Amino acid sequence: PSEPWEDACVVAVRGSETITNWIRDLEFWTTPVEFEWCDGCTVEEGFYVILKEVMDRLVNGLGEIGCVPQNNASVVPGTTSVLYVTGHSL
């Protein structure tokens, strides 16, 4: 691709809708926790809990549309490993 966003996947996260969402959002003030997918990185606990709750569904959904992790992209024609994440409350 000639542009970095070509052949890429985008995940857009909606803003908080429920009381549980708002409580998790407020947990960002807590002490950061280790982010297991990035050596030496930390993430706010509230956001991390939500990510872990949806991670399997997110990865499966991305795979269904041809967006797979980099280590799998080369074996599946027409797939990509570029992923952009955006949304409210990030």
N, C-alpha and C. Protein backbone atom coordinates (compact mmCIF):
# COMPACT_ATOMS: atom_id res chain seq x y z
N PRO A 1 0.82 -1.21 0.00
CA PRO A 1 0.00 0.00 0.00
C PRO A 1 0.86 1.26 0.00
N SER A 2 0.39 2.27 -0.69
CA SER A 2 1.16 3.51 -0.76
C SER A 2 0.92 4.42 0.44
N GLU A 3 -0.19 4.26 1.12
CA GLU A 3 -0.50 5.06 2.31
C GLU A 3 -0.56 4.15 3.53
N PRO A 4 -0.13 4.61 4.72
CA PRO A 4 -0.10 3.74 5.89
C PRO A 4 -1.47 3.22 6.32
N TRP A 5 -2.55 3.90 5.96
CA TRP A 5 -3.88 3.46 6.38
C TRP A 5 -4.54 2.53 5.37
N GLU A 6 -3.92 2.36 4.20
CA GLU A 6 -4.48 1.42 3.22
C GLU A 6 -4.26 0.00 3.72
N ASP A 7 -5.19 -0.87 3.45
CA ASP A 7 -5.12 -2.27 3.87
C ASP A 7 -4.94 -2.38 5.39
N ALA A 8 -5.66 -1.55 6.12
CA ALA A 8 -5.58 -1.56 7.58
C ALA A 8 -6.96 -1.81 8.17
N CYS A 9 -7.00 -2.16 9.43
CA CYS A 9 -8.25 -2.35 10.16
C CYS A 9 -8.38 -1.25 11.21
N VAL A 10 -9.61 -0.88 11.49
CA VAL A 10 -9.89 0.15 12.49
C VAL A 10 -10.87 -0.41 13.50
N VAL A 11 -10.57 -0.23 14.77
CA VAL A 11 -11.49 -0.56 15.85
C VAL A 11 -11.91 0.75 16.48
N ALA A 12 -13.21 1.03 16.48
CA ALA A 12 -13.75 2.25 17.10
C ALA A 12 -14.53 1.83 18.34
N VAL A 13 -14.14 2.36 19.48
CA VAL A 13 -14.76 2.00 20.75
C VAL A 13 -15.79 3.07 21.12
N ARG A 14 -17.01 2.66 21.39
CA ARG A 14 -18.05 3.61 21.75
C ARG A 14 -17.79 4.16 23.14
N GLY A 15 -18.42 5.26 23.45
CA GLY A 15 -18.32 5.85 24.78
C GLY A 15 -19.13 5.05 25.79
N SER A 16 -19.03 5.43 27.03
CA SER A 16 -19.73 4.74 28.12
C SER A 16 -21.23 4.89 27.98
N GLU A 17 -21.95 3.78 28.23
CA GLU A 17 -23.41 3.78 28.15
C GLU A 17 -24.08 3.32 29.43
N THR A 18 -23.42 2.45 30.18
CA THR A 18 -24.05 1.86 31.35
C THR A 18 -23.34 2.31 32.63
N ILE A 19 -23.98 2.05 33.75
CA ILE A 19 -23.37 2.36 35.05
C ILE A 19 -22.04 1.61 35.20
N THR A 20 -22.02 0.35 34.77
CA THR A 20 -20.79 -0.44 34.85
C THR A 20 -19.68 0.22 34.03
N ASN A 21 -20.01 0.70 32.82
CA ASN A 21 -19.02 1.40 32.00
C ASN A 21 -18.46 2.61 32.73
N TRP A 22 -19.34 3.39 33.34
CA TRP A 22 -18.91 4.60 34.04
C TRP A 22 -18.02 4.27 35.24
N ILE A 23 -18.37 3.20 35.94
CA ILE A 23 -17.54 2.78 37.09
C ILE A 23 -16.16 2.37 36.60
N ARG A 24 -16.11 1.58 35.52
CA ARG A 24 -14.81 1.17 34.96
C ARG A 24 -14.02 2.39 34.50
N ASP A 25 -14.70 3.36 33.88
CA ASP A 25 -14.02 4.59 33.44
C ASP A 25 -13.37 5.30 34.62
N LEU A 26 -14.07 5.35 35.74
CA LEU A 26 -13.55 6.05 36.90
C LEU A 26 -12.35 5.34 37.52
N GLU A 27 -12.20 4.05 37.21
CA GLU A 27 -11.06 3.29 37.75
C GLU A 27 -9.74 3.68 37.10
N PHE A 28 -9.80 4.55 36.09
CA PHE A 28 -8.54 4.95 35.48
C PHE A 28 -7.67 5.74 36.45
N TRP A 29 -8.27 6.23 37.53
CA TRP A 29 -7.49 6.97 38.53
C TRP A 29 -6.69 6.03 39.43
N THR A 30 -6.93 4.74 39.33
CA THR A 30 -6.20 3.79 40.18
C THR A 30 -4.77 3.63 39.68
N THR A 31 -4.00 2.91 40.43
CA THR A 31 -2.61 2.67 40.06
C THR A 31 -2.55 1.88 38.76
N PRO A 32 -1.69 2.28 37.83
CA PRO A 32 -1.54 1.52 36.58
C PRO A 32 -1.09 0.09 36.86
N VAL A 33 -1.52 -0.82 36.00
CA VAL A 33 -1.12 -2.22 36.11
C VAL A 33 -0.27 -2.57 34.90
N GLU A 34 0.50 -3.67 35.01
CA GLU A 34 1.33 -4.11 33.90
C GLU A 34 0.47 -4.52 32.73
N PHE A 35 0.90 -4.13 31.54
CA PHE A 35 0.22 -4.49 30.30
C PHE A 35 0.95 -5.69 29.74
N GLU A 36 0.35 -6.87 29.84
CA GLU A 36 1.05 -8.11 29.56
C GLU A 36 1.53 -8.28 28.12
N TRP A 37 1.01 -7.48 27.18
CA TRP A 37 1.41 -7.62 25.78
C TRP A 37 2.51 -6.64 25.38
N CYS A 38 3.05 -5.92 26.36
CA CYS A 38 4.07 -4.92 26.05
C CYS A 38 5.05 -4.84 27.22
N ASP A 39 6.28 -5.29 27.02
CA ASP A 39 7.28 -5.27 28.09
C ASP A 39 7.52 -3.86 28.59
N GLY A 40 7.41 -3.67 29.89
CA GLY A 40 7.67 -2.39 30.52
C GLY A 40 6.54 -1.38 30.40
N CYS A 41 5.41 -1.77 29.82
CA CYS A 41 4.28 -0.85 29.64
C CYS A 41 3.27 -1.03 30.77
N THR A 42 2.55 0.03 31.05
CA THR A 42 1.45 -0.05 32.02
C THR A 42 0.18 0.49 31.36
N VAL A 43 -0.95 0.13 31.95
CA VAL A 43 -2.25 0.57 31.45
C VAL A 43 -3.14 0.81 32.66
N GLU A 44 -4.07 1.73 32.53
CA GLU A 44 -4.99 2.00 33.63
C GLU A 44 -5.92 0.80 33.81
N GLU A 45 -6.13 0.42 35.05
CA GLU A 45 -6.84 -0.81 35.37
C GLU A 45 -8.25 -0.88 34.80
N GLY A 46 -9.02 0.20 34.89
CA GLY A 46 -10.40 0.18 34.40
C GLY A 46 -10.49 -0.14 32.91
N PHE A 47 -9.65 0.52 32.12
CA PHE A 47 -9.64 0.25 30.68
C PHE A 47 -9.14 -1.16 30.40
N TYR A 48 -8.16 -1.61 31.16
CA TYR A 48 -7.59 -2.94 30.93
C TYR A 48 -8.59 -4.04 31.25
N VAL A 49 -9.36 -3.87 32.32
CA VAL A 49 -10.38 -4.86 32.67
C VAL A 49 -11.38 -5.00 31.52
N ILE A 50 -11.81 -3.87 30.98
CA ILE A 50 -12.78 -3.89 29.88
C ILE A 50 -12.16 -4.56 28.65
N LEU A 51 -10.91 -4.21 28.33
CA LEU A 51 -10.24 -4.81 27.18
C LEU A 51 -10.18 -6.33 27.32
N LYS A 52 -9.78 -6.81 28.49
CA LYS A 52 -9.68 -8.25 28.70
C LYS A 52 -11.04 -8.93 28.59
N GLU A 53 -12.12 -8.22 28.98
CA GLU A 53 -13.47 -8.81 28.89
C GLU A 53 -13.91 -9.01 27.44
N VAL A 54 -13.45 -8.17 26.53
CA VAL A 54 -13.90 -8.25 25.14
C VAL A 54 -12.83 -8.77 24.18
N MET A 55 -11.63 -9.03 24.67
CA MET A 55 -10.51 -9.37 23.79
C MET A 55 -10.79 -10.56 22.88
N ASP A 56 -11.31 -11.66 23.39
CA ASP A 56 -11.55 -12.83 22.54
C ASP A 56 -12.54 -12.51 21.43
N ARG A 57 -13.64 -11.83 21.78
CA ARG A 57 -14.63 -11.46 20.76
C ARG A 57 -14.04 -10.49 19.75
N LEU A 58 -13.22 -9.56 20.22
CA LEU A 58 -12.59 -8.58 19.34
C LEU A 58 -11.65 -9.26 18.35
N VAL A 59 -10.78 -10.11 18.84
CA VAL A 59 -9.82 -10.81 17.97
C VAL A 59 -10.55 -11.71 16.98
N ASN A 60 -11.58 -12.42 17.44
CA ASN A 60 -12.34 -13.28 16.53
C ASN A 60 -13.05 -12.46 15.46
N GLY A 61 -13.66 -11.36 15.86
CA GLY A 61 -14.35 -10.49 14.90
C GLY A 61 -13.40 -9.91 13.87
N LEU A 62 -12.23 -9.48 14.33
CA LEU A 62 -11.23 -8.95 13.40
C LEU A 62 -10.77 -10.04 12.43
N GLY A 63 -10.58 -11.25 12.94
CA GLY A 63 -10.17 -12.36 12.08
C GLY A 63 -11.20 -12.67 11.01
N GLU A 64 -12.49 -12.54 11.35
CA GLU A 64 -13.56 -12.81 10.40
C GLU A 64 -13.54 -11.84 9.22
N ILE A 65 -13.00 -10.65 9.42
CA ILE A 65 -12.95 -9.68 8.32
C ILE A 65 -11.55 -9.58 7.71
N GLY A 66 -10.65 -10.51 8.09
CA GLY A 66 -9.33 -10.58 7.47
C GLY A 66 -8.25 -9.79 8.18
N CYS A 67 -8.52 -9.29 9.35
CA CYS A 67 -7.51 -8.56 10.12
C CYS A 67 -6.98 -9.51 11.19
N VAL A 68 -5.74 -9.97 10.99
CA VAL A 68 -5.17 -10.96 11.89
C VAL A 68 -3.84 -10.46 12.45
N PRO A 69 -3.39 -11.03 13.56
CA PRO A 69 -2.10 -10.61 14.13
C PRO A 69 -0.97 -10.78 13.11
N GLN A 70 0.05 -9.96 13.25
CA GLN A 70 1.16 -9.93 12.31
C GLN A 70 1.76 -11.31 12.08
N ASN A 71 1.89 -12.11 13.11
CA ASN A 71 2.52 -13.42 12.93
C ASN A 71 1.65 -14.37 12.12
N ASN A 72 0.36 -14.04 11.90
CA ASN A 72 -0.51 -14.87 11.07
C ASN A 72 -0.79 -14.25 9.71
N ALA A 73 -0.50 -12.97 9.52
CA ALA A 73 -0.87 -12.25 8.30
C ALA A 73 -0.23 -12.85 7.05
N SER A 74 0.99 -13.32 7.17
CA SER A 74 1.68 -13.81 5.98
C SER A 74 1.12 -15.12 5.47
N VAL A 75 0.40 -15.86 6.28
CA VAL A 75 -0.11 -17.16 5.84
C VAL A 75 -1.55 -17.10 5.35
N VAL A 76 -2.20 -15.95 5.50
CA VAL A 76 -3.58 -15.81 5.06
C VAL A 76 -3.64 -14.69 4.02
N PRO A 77 -3.77 -15.03 2.73
CA PRO A 77 -3.79 -14.01 1.69
C PRO A 77 -4.92 -13.00 1.91
N GLY A 78 -4.65 -11.74 1.62
CA GLY A 78 -5.66 -10.70 1.73
C GLY A 78 -5.91 -10.21 3.15
N THR A 79 -4.99 -10.52 4.06
CA THR A 79 -5.16 -10.07 5.44
C THR A 79 -4.16 -8.97 5.75
N THR A 80 -4.33 -8.36 6.87
CA THR A 80 -3.45 -7.27 7.26
C THR A 80 -3.11 -7.39 8.73
N SER A 81 -2.02 -6.76 9.12
CA SER A 81 -1.66 -6.75 10.54
C SER A 81 -1.69 -5.33 11.10
N VAL A 82 -2.03 -4.33 10.27
CA VAL A 82 -2.08 -2.95 10.73
C VAL A 82 -3.42 -2.71 11.41
N LEU A 83 -3.39 -2.23 12.64
CA LEU A 83 -4.62 -2.01 13.40
C LEU A 83 -4.57 -0.64 14.05
N TYR A 84 -5.61 0.15 13.78
CA TYR A 84 -5.77 1.46 14.41
C TYR A 84 -6.93 1.37 15.39
N VAL A 85 -6.75 1.92 16.58
CA VAL A 85 -7.80 1.91 17.62
C VAL A 85 -8.13 3.35 17.97
N THR A 86 -9.42 3.67 17.99
CA THR A 86 -9.87 4.99 18.34
C THR A 86 -11.17 4.89 19.11
N GLY A 87 -11.56 5.96 19.74
CA GLY A 87 -12.86 5.95 20.42
C GLY A 87 -12.94 6.93 21.54
N HIS A 88 -14.11 7.02 22.10
CA HIS A 88 -14.38 7.90 23.21
C HIS A 88 -13.85 7.27 24.49
N SER A 89 -13.39 8.07 25.41
CA SER A 89 -12.87 7.62 26.69
C SER A 89 -11.51 6.96 26.59
N LEU A 90 -10.87 7.00 25.44
CA LEU A 90 -9.52 6.46 25.35
C LEU A 90 -8.58 7.58 25.62
